[in-house]
Amino acid sequence: MENQITDHLAVPSVMETPQATPAEAPSPRQQLFEDLFNVFKLSLKEKWDGAKVAEHPLGLRLIRLVRATFAQRRLYPETWRVQFVRQARTLHSFTGYRDIRSLLFEWLRSRQFVPEDTDMFVCSDTQMRRHVKRLAQTPPETVVISPSTLSAAKQTEMTILTVDNPETQDRDDALSLRPVKDGFEVGVHIPLLEHVVTRDSVWDRWAYDMAVSIYMPHLVIPMLPHEVSVKHASLDAGKVRPVLSFYFFTDGKSVPQFQRVCCEEIKIQRNADYQQIAQWLAASQFAAKMAGKWKVTDTTKTKEAELHTAVQVWIAGAQQLERKRMKAGGRKFDREQVDVMVLQDGVVQLRRYSQDSAEHKMISEWMIAANHAAARFCAEHELPCIYRVQESGGARAQEEGSEGVNNFVRPQSSLTMAPHHDLGIDGYAQVTSPLRRYSDLLVQRQIAAFLQKGAPVYTSQELSGRATAIEETARRIHKTEAKAEFYYKCVYLNQHRGETFDAEISYAVPPARNVVLMLTDLGLRLFLPLSSIKGLNARQIPPAASPLAVRALCHNMDPDRGTSIFQIRRAFERNDRR
């Protein structure tokens, strides 16, 4: 399977200790490694408990090595960790594990070297373990809220709404609409955290340490304590919150134009979710009528009608913003997405949605517009800022193949404003999610401090050091999130054995010998041995460059051991069953 631990270890360096040849004795260092691995192998075969392992002369060293290999820590040399994984893979015949990460975790857990209730993904990251522990120990009374001195926004005839997934608790952005002469004023509002999370406070240090909130199918680990991100800062209906507001003017004929940014207080009127917005649109048949054109179908003064009008204006503006980005060479976000959720009873559910749906586009385009405005504001006022920069990826590949993705260049952090190629804009600074991303909190502080005091909080040198640390931490956490998503998609397959899925099959790119099975229904790519594939022989499986469309029936899936069996039929064969 794809998420075996070797897929996430670095390639061994050229300084790796060479393997001993029959003509030469192993070095003392290599001999020590071999002795440690032999103890590990023996402990598996004879099913030693924790006490038996600890009593062995090499037991404590072995425990440290297994921990370091599982968490990919630098406690032991990288070459040892890579070699340990390679040799552990050869134990499949009697352990049954192809996923070495799971084997190592089970070895640690069953021998009580980690607590019984420890989560495998949290256990794999030192910072994550530390953060979970301190969040659990946070007394609510330690959250100190400084009184706000901000003026309240004039909310006469203003409609204010948040739109999130139904399970969201930390609502960190809202849209507003107010009729003005010749059009509408649209506001993008973001929680202003200066009264809760001050610079160099405990909460600030924790947020910097984690860089981002962690979203796994079975677990959400907030960057900030629940008392901060939900109770005191979330944009909940009926609450008055200090916010950083970006205002735009739209007349329905031209692209919305940024007007101003300010710090103020607003009262949220309503919290909605994407499904509710979709239902509103369907009920009014708005999606069919709009067809990319400006049209407000209901301007009566009831609260419900005002919300419907606001949604229509926001969507129309989002369409105009998107068209402008497309003309500038930007990318249209229209791919199908799959969210993985684990319910309390352990059942895994999938939530599919399109990024091109009106309700998702409404939020994403206005957030892009606010982040673009933040970048331009910082550049124009010479405020040190963390920009997100993406160079051109060159000629685009067609959206074909086993993963269906374009050529992609990862955005980078920069202190100099430069274009973001995929977005089709000349500058981009993330500011719309300060409850979930520390970089957004830093940019918010810069803008708010300039508006209120005439000077930024951080120098360019201070931001540079923080940006590098944030980037490294966030990238590592995103890998953990990806591993958890992969694992629980496999759990979903285990819970749906006997069902068939649309898929593509091919061999992996040489020199790898595995078969690649891409389950397009799930957005899940599996690397499998040929023995896991039934219904096709070795010669019928095409090379990596020309995958074959098939239907894959899941006979067996063991997410922990990393083993599975699929019955494959060609896509044109209709005698398969779901």
Foldseek 3Di string as FASTA:
>chain_A
DCVALLNVADDDDPPQQDDDDPVDDGDPVVVVLVVLLVLVLVCVVVVDALVVLVPDPCSVVSLVLLLCLLLVHVPDPSSSSNVSSVVVCVVCVPPVFNRVSLVSVCNCQRNVVDDVPDDSLCSSHPLSVVLVVVLVVDDLVVFAFDDDPFAADDCVQKAKEFAAAPPDQQGFWIWMWHDDPLFIKIKIKGFQCCRGDPPPDPLLVQLLSQQFWFDAQEDTRWSGHCSRRGVQTGQAAQDKGWIWMWMWTDNQPAAIGTDDIDIHIYHHHYYYYLVVLVVLCVVVVVVVVPVLGQDQDADDDDPVSSVSSVLSVLLSNLSNLQVLLVVLQAADQWDKDWRWHQDPVRAIDIDIDTCPDSSNSSVVSVQQVVQLVLFVVCVVLVFFAWWWAFDDQPDWDQQDFQQRDIRDTHTATDRDFADHNNRSGGTGGRQRCVRTGVSNSQSSQQVNCCNVPVGGDDDNVVVVVSRVSSVVSVVVSVVSSVSSLQLVVLVNCQVVAQAKAKWWWAADDPPDGFIWIRRPVSSHIATHHPVQEAQDDPVRHHHRVDIFIWIWGWNHGDSSSGGTHIYIGHPVDPPGHD
